[in-house]
N, C-alpha and C. Protein backbone atom coordinates (compact mmCIF):
# COMPACT_ATOMS: atom_id res chain seq x y z
N MET A 1 24.16 -8.07 -10.01
CA MET A 1 22.72 -8.26 -10.01
C MET A 1 22.35 -9.14 -11.20
N ASN A 2 21.55 -10.10 -10.95
CA ASN A 2 21.14 -11.03 -11.99
C ASN A 2 19.74 -10.64 -12.48
N ILE A 3 19.69 -10.02 -13.65
CA ILE A 3 18.42 -9.58 -14.21
C ILE A 3 17.80 -10.75 -14.97
N LYS A 4 16.60 -11.12 -14.59
CA LYS A 4 15.90 -12.24 -15.22
C LYS A 4 14.64 -11.74 -15.90
N ILE A 5 14.82 -10.74 -16.75
CA ILE A 5 13.67 -10.14 -17.43
C ILE A 5 12.99 -11.15 -18.35
N GLY A 6 13.79 -12.05 -18.95
CA GLY A 6 13.21 -13.07 -19.84
C GLY A 6 12.25 -13.97 -19.11
N GLU A 7 12.63 -14.40 -17.90
CA GLU A 7 11.74 -15.24 -17.10
C GLU A 7 10.47 -14.49 -16.74
N LYS A 8 10.62 -13.20 -16.43
CA LYS A 8 9.46 -12.38 -16.08
C LYS A 8 8.52 -12.24 -17.28
N ILE A 9 9.09 -12.01 -18.46
CA ILE A 9 8.27 -11.90 -19.68
C ILE A 9 7.51 -13.18 -19.92
N LYS A 10 8.17 -14.31 -19.75
CA LYS A 10 7.53 -15.61 -19.96
C LYS A 10 6.37 -15.81 -18.99
N LYS A 11 6.59 -15.49 -17.70
CA LYS A 11 5.53 -15.64 -16.70
C LYS A 11 4.34 -14.74 -17.02
N LEU A 12 4.63 -13.50 -17.39
CA LEU A 12 3.55 -12.56 -17.71
C LEU A 12 2.78 -13.02 -18.94
N ARG A 13 3.50 -13.49 -19.95
CA ARG A 13 2.86 -13.96 -21.18
C ARG A 13 1.96 -15.15 -20.87
N GLN A 14 2.46 -16.08 -20.06
CA GLN A 14 1.66 -17.25 -19.69
C GLN A 14 0.49 -16.85 -18.80
N ARG A 15 0.71 -15.90 -17.93
CA ARG A 15 -0.37 -15.40 -17.06
C ARG A 15 -1.54 -14.90 -17.89
N ASP A 16 -1.22 -14.20 -18.97
CA ASP A 16 -2.25 -13.61 -19.82
C ASP A 16 -2.73 -14.54 -20.93
N GLY A 17 -2.17 -15.76 -20.99
CA GLY A 17 -2.58 -16.72 -22.01
C GLY A 17 -2.20 -16.29 -23.42
N ARG A 18 -1.06 -15.66 -23.55
CA ARG A 18 -0.61 -15.17 -24.85
C ARG A 18 0.53 -16.04 -25.38
N LYS A 19 0.66 -16.05 -26.69
CA LYS A 19 1.72 -16.80 -27.35
C LYS A 19 2.91 -15.87 -27.60
N GLN A 20 4.05 -16.48 -27.83
CA GLN A 20 5.23 -15.68 -28.17
C GLN A 20 4.97 -14.85 -29.41
N GLU A 21 4.23 -15.42 -30.36
CA GLU A 21 3.92 -14.71 -31.60
C GLU A 21 3.09 -13.45 -31.34
N ASP A 22 2.15 -13.54 -30.36
CA ASP A 22 1.33 -12.38 -30.03
C ASP A 22 2.19 -11.22 -29.54
N LEU A 23 3.09 -11.53 -28.62
CA LEU A 23 3.98 -10.50 -28.09
C LEU A 23 4.91 -9.98 -29.18
N ALA A 24 5.44 -10.89 -29.99
CA ALA A 24 6.35 -10.49 -31.07
C ALA A 24 5.66 -9.52 -32.03
N ASN A 25 4.43 -9.82 -32.41
CA ASN A 25 3.68 -8.94 -33.32
C ASN A 25 3.42 -7.58 -32.69
N ALA A 26 3.09 -7.57 -31.40
CA ALA A 26 2.80 -6.31 -30.72
C ALA A 26 4.04 -5.43 -30.62
N LEU A 27 5.20 -6.06 -30.50
CA LEU A 27 6.45 -5.30 -30.33
C LEU A 27 7.19 -5.05 -31.64
N GLY A 28 6.78 -5.76 -32.69
CA GLY A 28 7.47 -5.61 -33.97
C GLY A 28 8.82 -6.31 -34.01
N VAL A 29 8.90 -7.46 -33.31
CA VAL A 29 10.13 -8.26 -33.32
C VAL A 29 9.76 -9.68 -33.75
N SER A 30 10.76 -10.52 -33.90
CA SER A 30 10.50 -11.89 -34.32
C SER A 30 10.14 -12.76 -33.11
N SER A 31 9.46 -13.86 -33.38
CA SER A 31 9.15 -14.83 -32.32
C SER A 31 10.43 -15.42 -31.75
N GLN A 32 11.45 -15.53 -32.60
CA GLN A 32 12.73 -16.05 -32.14
C GLN A 32 13.36 -15.13 -31.10
N ALA A 33 13.17 -13.83 -31.27
CA ALA A 33 13.71 -12.87 -30.29
C ALA A 33 13.04 -13.09 -28.93
N ILE A 34 11.72 -13.27 -28.94
CA ILE A 34 10.99 -13.53 -27.70
C ILE A 34 11.49 -14.82 -27.06
N SER A 35 11.65 -15.85 -27.86
CA SER A 35 12.14 -17.14 -27.38
C SER A 35 13.53 -16.99 -26.75
N ARG A 36 14.40 -16.24 -27.41
CA ARG A 36 15.76 -16.03 -26.91
C ARG A 36 15.72 -15.30 -25.57
N TRP A 37 14.87 -14.25 -25.44
CA TRP A 37 14.76 -13.52 -24.17
C TRP A 37 14.30 -14.45 -23.07
N GLU A 38 13.26 -15.22 -23.36
CA GLU A 38 12.67 -16.10 -22.34
C GLU A 38 13.63 -17.20 -21.91
N ALA A 39 14.58 -17.55 -22.76
CA ALA A 39 15.59 -18.56 -22.42
C ALA A 39 16.82 -17.91 -21.78
N ASN A 40 16.72 -16.61 -21.48
CA ASN A 40 17.82 -15.83 -20.91
C ASN A 40 19.05 -15.85 -21.81
N GLY A 41 18.81 -15.90 -23.11
CA GLY A 41 19.89 -15.86 -24.08
C GLY A 41 20.16 -14.46 -24.59
N GLY A 42 19.49 -13.50 -24.05
CA GLY A 42 19.67 -12.11 -24.46
C GLY A 42 18.59 -11.25 -23.81
N TYR A 43 18.68 -9.96 -24.04
CA TYR A 43 17.74 -9.02 -23.45
C TYR A 43 17.07 -8.20 -24.54
N PRO A 44 15.88 -7.73 -24.29
CA PRO A 44 15.23 -6.84 -25.26
C PRO A 44 16.01 -5.52 -25.35
N ASP A 45 15.91 -4.87 -26.49
CA ASP A 45 16.52 -3.54 -26.63
C ASP A 45 15.88 -2.61 -25.60
N LEU A 46 16.66 -1.67 -25.13
CA LEU A 46 16.20 -0.73 -24.13
C LEU A 46 14.94 0.02 -24.57
N GLU A 47 14.85 0.33 -25.85
CA GLU A 47 13.68 1.07 -26.36
C GLU A 47 12.39 0.25 -26.24
N LEU A 48 12.51 -1.07 -26.16
CA LEU A 48 11.32 -1.94 -26.08
C LEU A 48 10.78 -2.10 -24.66
N ILE A 49 11.58 -1.77 -23.66
CA ILE A 49 11.18 -2.00 -22.27
C ILE A 49 9.85 -1.32 -21.92
N PRO A 50 9.66 -0.03 -22.23
CA PRO A 50 8.36 0.58 -21.93
C PRO A 50 7.19 -0.11 -22.65
N SER A 51 7.42 -0.52 -23.90
CA SER A 51 6.36 -1.19 -24.66
C SER A 51 6.01 -2.55 -24.05
N ILE A 52 7.01 -3.26 -23.58
CA ILE A 52 6.77 -4.57 -22.94
C ILE A 52 5.97 -4.37 -21.66
N ALA A 53 6.39 -3.40 -20.84
CA ALA A 53 5.66 -3.13 -19.60
C ALA A 53 4.22 -2.72 -19.90
N ASN A 54 4.04 -1.89 -20.89
CA ASN A 54 2.70 -1.45 -21.29
C ASN A 54 1.85 -2.61 -21.79
N TYR A 55 2.45 -3.49 -22.57
CA TYR A 55 1.74 -4.65 -23.12
C TYR A 55 1.15 -5.50 -22.00
N PHE A 56 1.91 -5.65 -20.93
CA PHE A 56 1.44 -6.48 -19.80
C PHE A 56 0.75 -5.66 -18.71
N ASN A 57 0.61 -4.34 -18.95
CA ASN A 57 -0.07 -3.44 -18.02
C ASN A 57 0.59 -3.45 -16.64
N ILE A 58 1.91 -3.33 -16.63
CA ILE A 58 2.68 -3.25 -15.39
C ILE A 58 3.67 -2.10 -15.51
N SER A 59 4.29 -1.73 -14.40
CA SER A 59 5.33 -0.69 -14.44
C SER A 59 6.65 -1.31 -14.89
N ILE A 60 7.56 -0.46 -15.30
CA ILE A 60 8.89 -0.93 -15.68
C ILE A 60 9.58 -1.54 -14.46
N ASP A 61 9.38 -0.94 -13.28
CA ASP A 61 9.94 -1.52 -12.05
C ASP A 61 9.44 -2.94 -11.84
N GLU A 62 8.15 -3.16 -12.04
CA GLU A 62 7.60 -4.50 -11.88
C GLU A 62 8.18 -5.46 -12.90
N LEU A 63 8.40 -4.98 -14.11
CA LEU A 63 8.99 -5.82 -15.14
C LEU A 63 10.37 -6.31 -14.72
N PHE A 64 11.12 -5.45 -14.03
CA PHE A 64 12.44 -5.83 -13.56
C PHE A 64 12.41 -6.48 -12.18
N GLY A 65 11.21 -6.60 -11.59
CA GLY A 65 11.06 -7.30 -10.32
C GLY A 65 11.37 -6.46 -9.10
N TYR A 66 11.35 -5.12 -9.23
CA TYR A 66 11.71 -4.28 -8.10
C TYR A 66 10.53 -3.78 -7.28
N SER A 67 9.44 -3.51 -7.88
CA SER A 67 8.35 -2.81 -7.22
C SER A 67 7.89 -3.49 -5.93
N LYS A 68 7.65 -4.75 -5.99
CA LYS A 68 7.12 -5.45 -4.82
C LYS A 68 8.13 -5.46 -3.67
N GLU A 69 9.39 -5.79 -3.98
CA GLU A 69 10.42 -5.82 -2.95
C GLU A 69 10.60 -4.45 -2.31
N ARG A 70 10.68 -3.42 -3.15
CA ARG A 70 10.89 -2.06 -2.65
C ARG A 70 9.72 -1.64 -1.76
N GLN A 71 8.51 -1.86 -2.23
CA GLN A 71 7.34 -1.44 -1.47
C GLN A 71 7.23 -2.22 -0.16
N GLU A 72 7.54 -3.51 -0.20
CA GLU A 72 7.51 -4.30 1.03
C GLU A 72 8.52 -3.79 2.04
N LYS A 73 9.70 -3.44 1.57
CA LYS A 73 10.73 -2.91 2.47
C LYS A 73 10.29 -1.56 3.05
N LEU A 74 9.77 -0.68 2.20
CA LEU A 74 9.27 0.61 2.69
C LEU A 74 8.17 0.42 3.73
N ASN A 75 7.21 -0.46 3.43
CA ASN A 75 6.12 -0.71 4.37
C ASN A 75 6.63 -1.25 5.69
N SER A 76 7.61 -2.12 5.65
CA SER A 76 8.18 -2.69 6.87
C SER A 76 8.84 -1.60 7.72
N ILE A 77 9.61 -0.74 7.08
CA ILE A 77 10.28 0.35 7.81
C ILE A 77 9.25 1.29 8.43
N ILE A 78 8.25 1.65 7.65
CA ILE A 78 7.22 2.57 8.15
C ILE A 78 6.44 1.94 9.29
N ASP A 79 6.11 0.66 9.17
CA ASP A 79 5.40 -0.04 10.25
C ASP A 79 6.21 -0.07 11.54
N ARG A 80 7.51 -0.36 11.40
CA ARG A 80 8.38 -0.39 12.60
C ARG A 80 8.45 0.99 13.25
N ALA A 81 8.53 2.02 12.43
CA ALA A 81 8.57 3.39 12.97
C ALA A 81 7.26 3.72 13.68
N GLU A 82 6.13 3.39 13.06
CA GLU A 82 4.82 3.66 13.67
C GLU A 82 4.68 2.95 15.02
N LYS A 83 5.13 1.70 15.08
CA LYS A 83 5.06 0.95 16.34
C LYS A 83 5.89 1.63 17.42
N ALA A 84 7.05 2.13 17.05
CA ALA A 84 7.90 2.83 18.01
C ALA A 84 7.24 4.13 18.47
N PHE A 85 6.64 4.86 17.52
CA PHE A 85 5.95 6.11 17.89
C PHE A 85 4.81 5.82 18.87
N ASN A 86 4.01 4.80 18.56
CA ASN A 86 2.86 4.47 19.40
C ASN A 86 3.28 3.97 20.78
N ALA A 87 4.40 3.26 20.86
CA ALA A 87 4.88 2.73 22.14
C ALA A 87 5.59 3.82 22.95
N GLN A 88 5.92 4.92 22.31
CA GLN A 88 6.62 6.04 22.94
C GLN A 88 7.89 5.56 23.66
N ILE A 89 8.64 4.73 22.96
CA ILE A 89 9.90 4.22 23.50
C ILE A 89 11.02 5.20 23.16
N ASP A 90 12.21 4.91 23.63
CA ASP A 90 13.39 5.70 23.29
C ASP A 90 13.54 5.67 21.76
N MET A 91 13.62 6.82 21.17
CA MET A 91 13.63 6.93 19.71
C MET A 91 15.01 6.76 19.08
N THR A 92 16.04 6.54 19.87
CA THR A 92 17.40 6.47 19.33
C THR A 92 17.53 5.42 18.23
N GLU A 93 17.07 4.21 18.46
CA GLU A 93 17.16 3.15 17.46
C GLU A 93 16.28 3.46 16.25
N THR A 94 15.12 4.03 16.49
CA THR A 94 14.21 4.37 15.40
C THR A 94 14.83 5.45 14.52
N VAL A 95 15.47 6.43 15.12
CA VAL A 95 16.14 7.48 14.35
C VAL A 95 17.23 6.86 13.48
N GLU A 96 18.03 5.95 14.04
CA GLU A 96 19.10 5.32 13.27
C GLU A 96 18.53 4.49 12.12
N MET A 97 17.46 3.75 12.38
CA MET A 97 16.83 2.94 11.34
C MET A 97 16.34 3.84 10.20
N LEU A 98 15.71 4.96 10.56
CA LEU A 98 15.16 5.86 9.55
C LEU A 98 16.25 6.65 8.82
N ARG A 99 17.33 6.96 9.50
CA ARG A 99 18.47 7.60 8.81
C ARG A 99 19.01 6.66 7.74
N SER A 100 19.15 5.40 8.10
CA SER A 100 19.64 4.40 7.15
C SER A 100 18.67 4.26 5.97
N ALA A 101 17.38 4.23 6.29
CA ALA A 101 16.36 4.13 5.23
C ALA A 101 16.39 5.36 4.33
N ALA A 102 16.63 6.53 4.91
CA ALA A 102 16.69 7.77 4.12
C ALA A 102 17.90 7.77 3.17
N GLU A 103 18.97 7.10 3.57
CA GLU A 103 20.12 6.97 2.67
C GLU A 103 19.78 6.05 1.51
N GLU A 104 19.04 4.98 1.81
CA GLU A 104 18.67 4.02 0.76
C GLU A 104 17.57 4.57 -0.15
N PHE A 105 16.64 5.33 0.43
CA PHE A 105 15.50 5.87 -0.31
C PHE A 105 15.47 7.40 -0.14
N PRO A 106 16.45 8.12 -0.70
CA PRO A 106 16.56 9.56 -0.43
C PRO A 106 15.42 10.42 -0.97
N SER A 107 14.68 9.92 -1.93
CA SER A 107 13.59 10.72 -2.48
C SER A 107 12.22 10.18 -2.08
N GLU A 108 12.18 9.39 -1.02
CA GLU A 108 10.92 8.81 -0.54
C GLU A 108 10.39 9.67 0.61
N PRO A 109 9.37 10.51 0.34
CA PRO A 109 8.90 11.43 1.38
C PRO A 109 8.38 10.74 2.63
N GLN A 110 7.76 9.57 2.49
CA GLN A 110 7.23 8.88 3.68
C GLN A 110 8.33 8.59 4.70
N ILE A 111 9.48 8.17 4.21
CA ILE A 111 10.60 7.86 5.10
C ILE A 111 11.11 9.14 5.76
N LEU A 112 11.24 10.20 4.97
CA LEU A 112 11.75 11.45 5.51
C LEU A 112 10.79 12.07 6.52
N VAL A 113 9.50 11.96 6.27
CA VAL A 113 8.51 12.48 7.23
C VAL A 113 8.64 11.73 8.55
N LYS A 114 8.73 10.41 8.48
CA LYS A 114 8.87 9.60 9.70
C LYS A 114 10.18 9.94 10.41
N LEU A 115 11.26 10.15 9.65
CA LEU A 115 12.54 10.53 10.26
C LEU A 115 12.40 11.86 10.99
N GLY A 116 11.74 12.82 10.37
CA GLY A 116 11.52 14.11 11.03
C GLY A 116 10.74 13.96 12.33
N TYR A 117 9.69 13.15 12.32
CA TYR A 117 8.92 12.91 13.54
C TYR A 117 9.78 12.26 14.61
N ALA A 118 10.57 11.26 14.21
CA ALA A 118 11.42 10.55 15.16
C ALA A 118 12.47 11.50 15.76
N LEU A 119 13.04 12.35 14.92
CA LEU A 119 14.02 13.32 15.42
C LEU A 119 13.38 14.29 16.41
N SER A 120 12.17 14.71 16.12
CA SER A 120 11.46 15.60 17.04
C SER A 120 11.26 14.92 18.39
N MET A 121 10.78 13.69 18.35
CA MET A 121 10.54 12.95 19.59
C MET A 121 11.84 12.70 20.35
N CYS A 122 12.88 12.33 19.63
CA CYS A 122 14.17 12.07 20.25
C CYS A 122 14.72 13.35 20.88
N GLY A 123 14.54 14.46 20.21
CA GLY A 123 14.97 15.75 20.76
C GLY A 123 14.30 16.06 22.08
N TRP A 124 13.00 15.79 22.14
CA TRP A 124 12.28 15.99 23.40
C TRP A 124 12.78 15.02 24.46
N GLN A 125 12.98 13.77 24.09
CA GLN A 125 13.42 12.76 25.06
C GLN A 125 14.82 13.06 25.61
N LYS A 126 15.72 13.48 24.75
CA LYS A 126 17.12 13.67 25.16
C LYS A 126 17.40 15.03 25.78
N PHE A 127 16.73 16.08 25.27
CA PHE A 127 17.06 17.43 25.73
C PHE A 127 15.88 18.18 26.32
N GLY A 128 14.67 17.79 25.95
CA GLY A 128 13.49 18.49 26.44
C GLY A 128 13.46 19.94 25.98
N GLY A 129 12.47 20.64 26.44
CA GLY A 129 12.34 22.05 26.12
C GLY A 129 12.41 22.87 27.39
N ARG A 130 12.71 24.11 27.26
CA ARG A 130 12.74 25.02 28.41
C ARG A 130 11.86 26.22 28.11
N SER A 131 11.34 26.76 29.17
CA SER A 131 10.58 27.99 29.02
C SER A 131 10.91 28.90 30.20
N TYR A 132 10.52 30.14 30.08
CA TYR A 132 10.77 31.11 31.14
C TYR A 132 9.61 32.09 31.18
N THR A 133 9.50 32.77 32.30
CA THR A 133 8.48 33.81 32.44
C THR A 133 9.18 35.15 32.65
N VAL A 134 8.47 36.18 32.35
CA VAL A 134 8.97 37.54 32.53
C VAL A 134 8.20 38.14 33.69
N ASP A 135 8.90 38.87 34.53
CA ASP A 135 8.23 39.50 35.68
C ASP A 135 7.00 40.27 35.24
N GLY A 136 5.93 40.03 35.94
CA GLY A 136 4.68 40.73 35.68
C GLY A 136 3.84 40.11 34.57
N SER A 137 4.28 38.97 34.03
CA SER A 137 3.53 38.33 32.95
C SER A 137 3.09 36.94 33.39
N ASP A 138 1.91 36.54 32.95
CA ASP A 138 1.40 35.20 33.23
C ASP A 138 1.79 34.19 32.15
N TYR A 139 2.48 34.63 31.12
CA TYR A 139 2.79 33.77 29.98
C TYR A 139 4.20 33.20 30.06
N ALA A 140 4.32 31.95 29.64
CA ALA A 140 5.63 31.31 29.55
C ALA A 140 6.14 31.49 28.12
N HIS A 141 7.40 31.72 27.99
CA HIS A 141 8.04 31.89 26.68
C HIS A 141 9.01 30.74 26.45
N ASN A 142 9.03 30.22 25.24
CA ASN A 142 9.96 29.14 24.91
C ASN A 142 11.39 29.67 24.90
N ASP A 143 12.30 28.88 25.43
CA ASP A 143 13.72 29.23 25.42
C ASP A 143 14.29 28.79 24.07
N THR A 144 14.24 29.68 23.10
CA THR A 144 14.66 29.34 21.75
C THR A 144 16.16 29.11 21.65
N GLU A 145 16.95 29.74 22.51
CA GLU A 145 18.39 29.50 22.50
C GLU A 145 18.69 28.06 22.88
N HIS A 146 18.01 27.56 23.90
CA HIS A 146 18.18 26.16 24.30
C HIS A 146 17.72 25.23 23.17
N ALA A 147 16.57 25.52 22.59
CA ALA A 147 16.04 24.68 21.51
C ALA A 147 16.98 24.66 20.32
N ALA A 148 17.60 25.78 20.01
CA ALA A 148 18.50 25.86 18.86
C ALA A 148 19.75 25.00 19.04
N GLN A 149 20.08 24.65 20.25
CA GLN A 149 21.26 23.83 20.52
C GLN A 149 20.96 22.34 20.45
N ASN A 150 19.69 21.97 20.30
CA ASN A 150 19.29 20.56 20.27
C ASN A 150 19.67 19.97 18.91
N PRO A 151 20.64 19.04 18.85
CA PRO A 151 21.09 18.52 17.55
C PRO A 151 20.00 17.73 16.81
N TYR A 152 19.11 17.11 17.55
CA TYR A 152 18.02 16.36 16.91
C TYR A 152 17.05 17.32 16.22
N TRP A 153 16.77 18.43 16.87
CA TRP A 153 15.87 19.40 16.28
C TRP A 153 16.53 20.13 15.10
N GLN A 154 17.84 20.32 15.18
CA GLN A 154 18.55 20.93 14.05
C GLN A 154 18.43 20.02 12.81
N GLU A 155 18.63 18.72 13.02
CA GLU A 155 18.50 17.77 11.92
C GLU A 155 17.05 17.68 11.45
N GLU A 156 16.12 17.73 12.39
CA GLU A 156 14.69 17.69 12.04
C GLU A 156 14.33 18.82 11.08
N VAL A 157 14.82 20.02 11.36
CA VAL A 157 14.54 21.17 10.50
C VAL A 157 15.06 20.91 9.09
N LYS A 158 16.28 20.40 8.97
CA LYS A 158 16.86 20.13 7.65
C LYS A 158 16.04 19.07 6.90
N VAL A 159 15.64 18.02 7.61
CA VAL A 159 14.86 16.95 6.98
C VAL A 159 13.51 17.50 6.52
N PHE A 160 12.83 18.24 7.38
CA PHE A 160 11.52 18.76 7.02
C PHE A 160 11.60 19.81 5.90
N GLU A 161 12.67 20.58 5.86
CA GLU A 161 12.83 21.52 4.74
C GLU A 161 12.95 20.76 3.42
N LYS A 162 13.65 19.65 3.45
CA LYS A 162 13.77 18.81 2.25
C LYS A 162 12.41 18.24 1.86
N VAL A 163 11.65 17.77 2.85
CA VAL A 163 10.34 17.18 2.59
C VAL A 163 9.39 18.22 2.01
N LEU A 164 9.43 19.44 2.53
CA LEU A 164 8.52 20.48 2.05
C LEU A 164 8.77 20.85 0.60
N ALA A 165 9.95 20.52 0.09
CA ALA A 165 10.26 20.78 -1.33
C ALA A 165 9.73 19.65 -2.22
N MET A 166 9.20 18.59 -1.61
CA MET A 166 8.70 17.44 -2.36
C MET A 166 7.19 17.53 -2.54
N ASP A 167 6.68 16.63 -3.37
CA ASP A 167 5.24 16.53 -3.58
C ASP A 167 4.66 15.62 -2.49
N ILE A 168 4.07 16.22 -1.47
CA ILE A 168 3.50 15.47 -0.35
C ILE A 168 2.06 15.90 -0.14
N PRO A 169 1.27 15.06 0.54
CA PRO A 169 -0.12 15.44 0.83
C PRO A 169 -0.20 16.72 1.67
N GLN A 170 -1.24 17.49 1.46
CA GLN A 170 -1.41 18.74 2.18
C GLN A 170 -1.45 18.53 3.69
N LYS A 171 -2.04 17.44 4.12
CA LYS A 171 -2.12 17.15 5.57
C LYS A 171 -0.71 17.05 6.17
N ASP A 172 0.19 16.34 5.50
CA ASP A 172 1.58 16.24 5.96
C ASP A 172 2.26 17.60 5.92
N ARG A 173 2.02 18.35 4.85
CA ARG A 173 2.62 19.68 4.72
C ARG A 173 2.19 20.59 5.88
N ASP A 174 0.90 20.55 6.22
CA ASP A 174 0.40 21.38 7.32
C ASP A 174 1.01 20.96 8.65
N THR A 175 1.08 19.64 8.89
CA THR A 175 1.64 19.13 10.15
C THR A 175 3.11 19.54 10.29
N ILE A 176 3.86 19.36 9.21
CA ILE A 176 5.29 19.69 9.23
C ILE A 176 5.48 21.19 9.47
N THR A 177 4.69 21.99 8.80
CA THR A 177 4.79 23.44 8.98
C THR A 177 4.53 23.83 10.43
N MET A 178 3.52 23.23 11.03
CA MET A 178 3.22 23.51 12.45
C MET A 178 4.36 23.07 13.35
N MET A 179 4.97 21.92 13.06
CA MET A 179 6.08 21.46 13.87
C MET A 179 7.28 22.39 13.76
N LEU A 180 7.50 22.91 12.56
CA LEU A 180 8.62 23.83 12.38
C LEU A 180 8.40 25.17 13.05
N VAL A 181 7.15 25.61 13.12
CA VAL A 181 6.83 26.88 13.76
C VAL A 181 7.06 26.74 15.24
C-alpha cells in the first residue's frame, strides 16, 4: 500500500489557505518537517496523526484517504442489495455478495442486517415454510422442525444474533427481533 499522507497534508493545507509554518507551529514541529512530509520524504510521527486530522477538521481515516472509498463501497453494496430486495429476484447472488462484504467489513452492522434479510428471503425462496393444523382447530401451526432444517435460516439466526450485540438503531433491533421470533 502506498501511503501518500504528505500529499494529503499539502492539499488540505492549500485548501485552507495555510502556510507550512502555520501547520508547523500548531503541531510543534519545524517547517522543514512539514516540507519533508509533503515531498514524501518521510512521515509524521504516529503521535501527531490525531493532531493533524484535528487541525484540518477531518477524521484520521480521511487523512489516510480511506473514508470516501470505504463509504462509497459500502453504499454500492447496500444499493445493490436493496435493488435485489425490491425486485424480489433469486437471492442466491445477493447472499454471496453480502457474505463477501461481511468478510471485508465484519463490524459493519448495515452489511450484516442486509445479509440477514437476504438469508431470510433466500430461505423462503429455496425451502419455503410449512404449517399444519390439529384436528378440531381452526389455527395453522408453523412446522418448526422443517424451519430448523433450513440452512439459510440457520445462518440468518447467527448473523442477526451478532447484529443484536452491536450498536444499531432501535428500528432495526425491533425488526430483527420480530424476524427471529
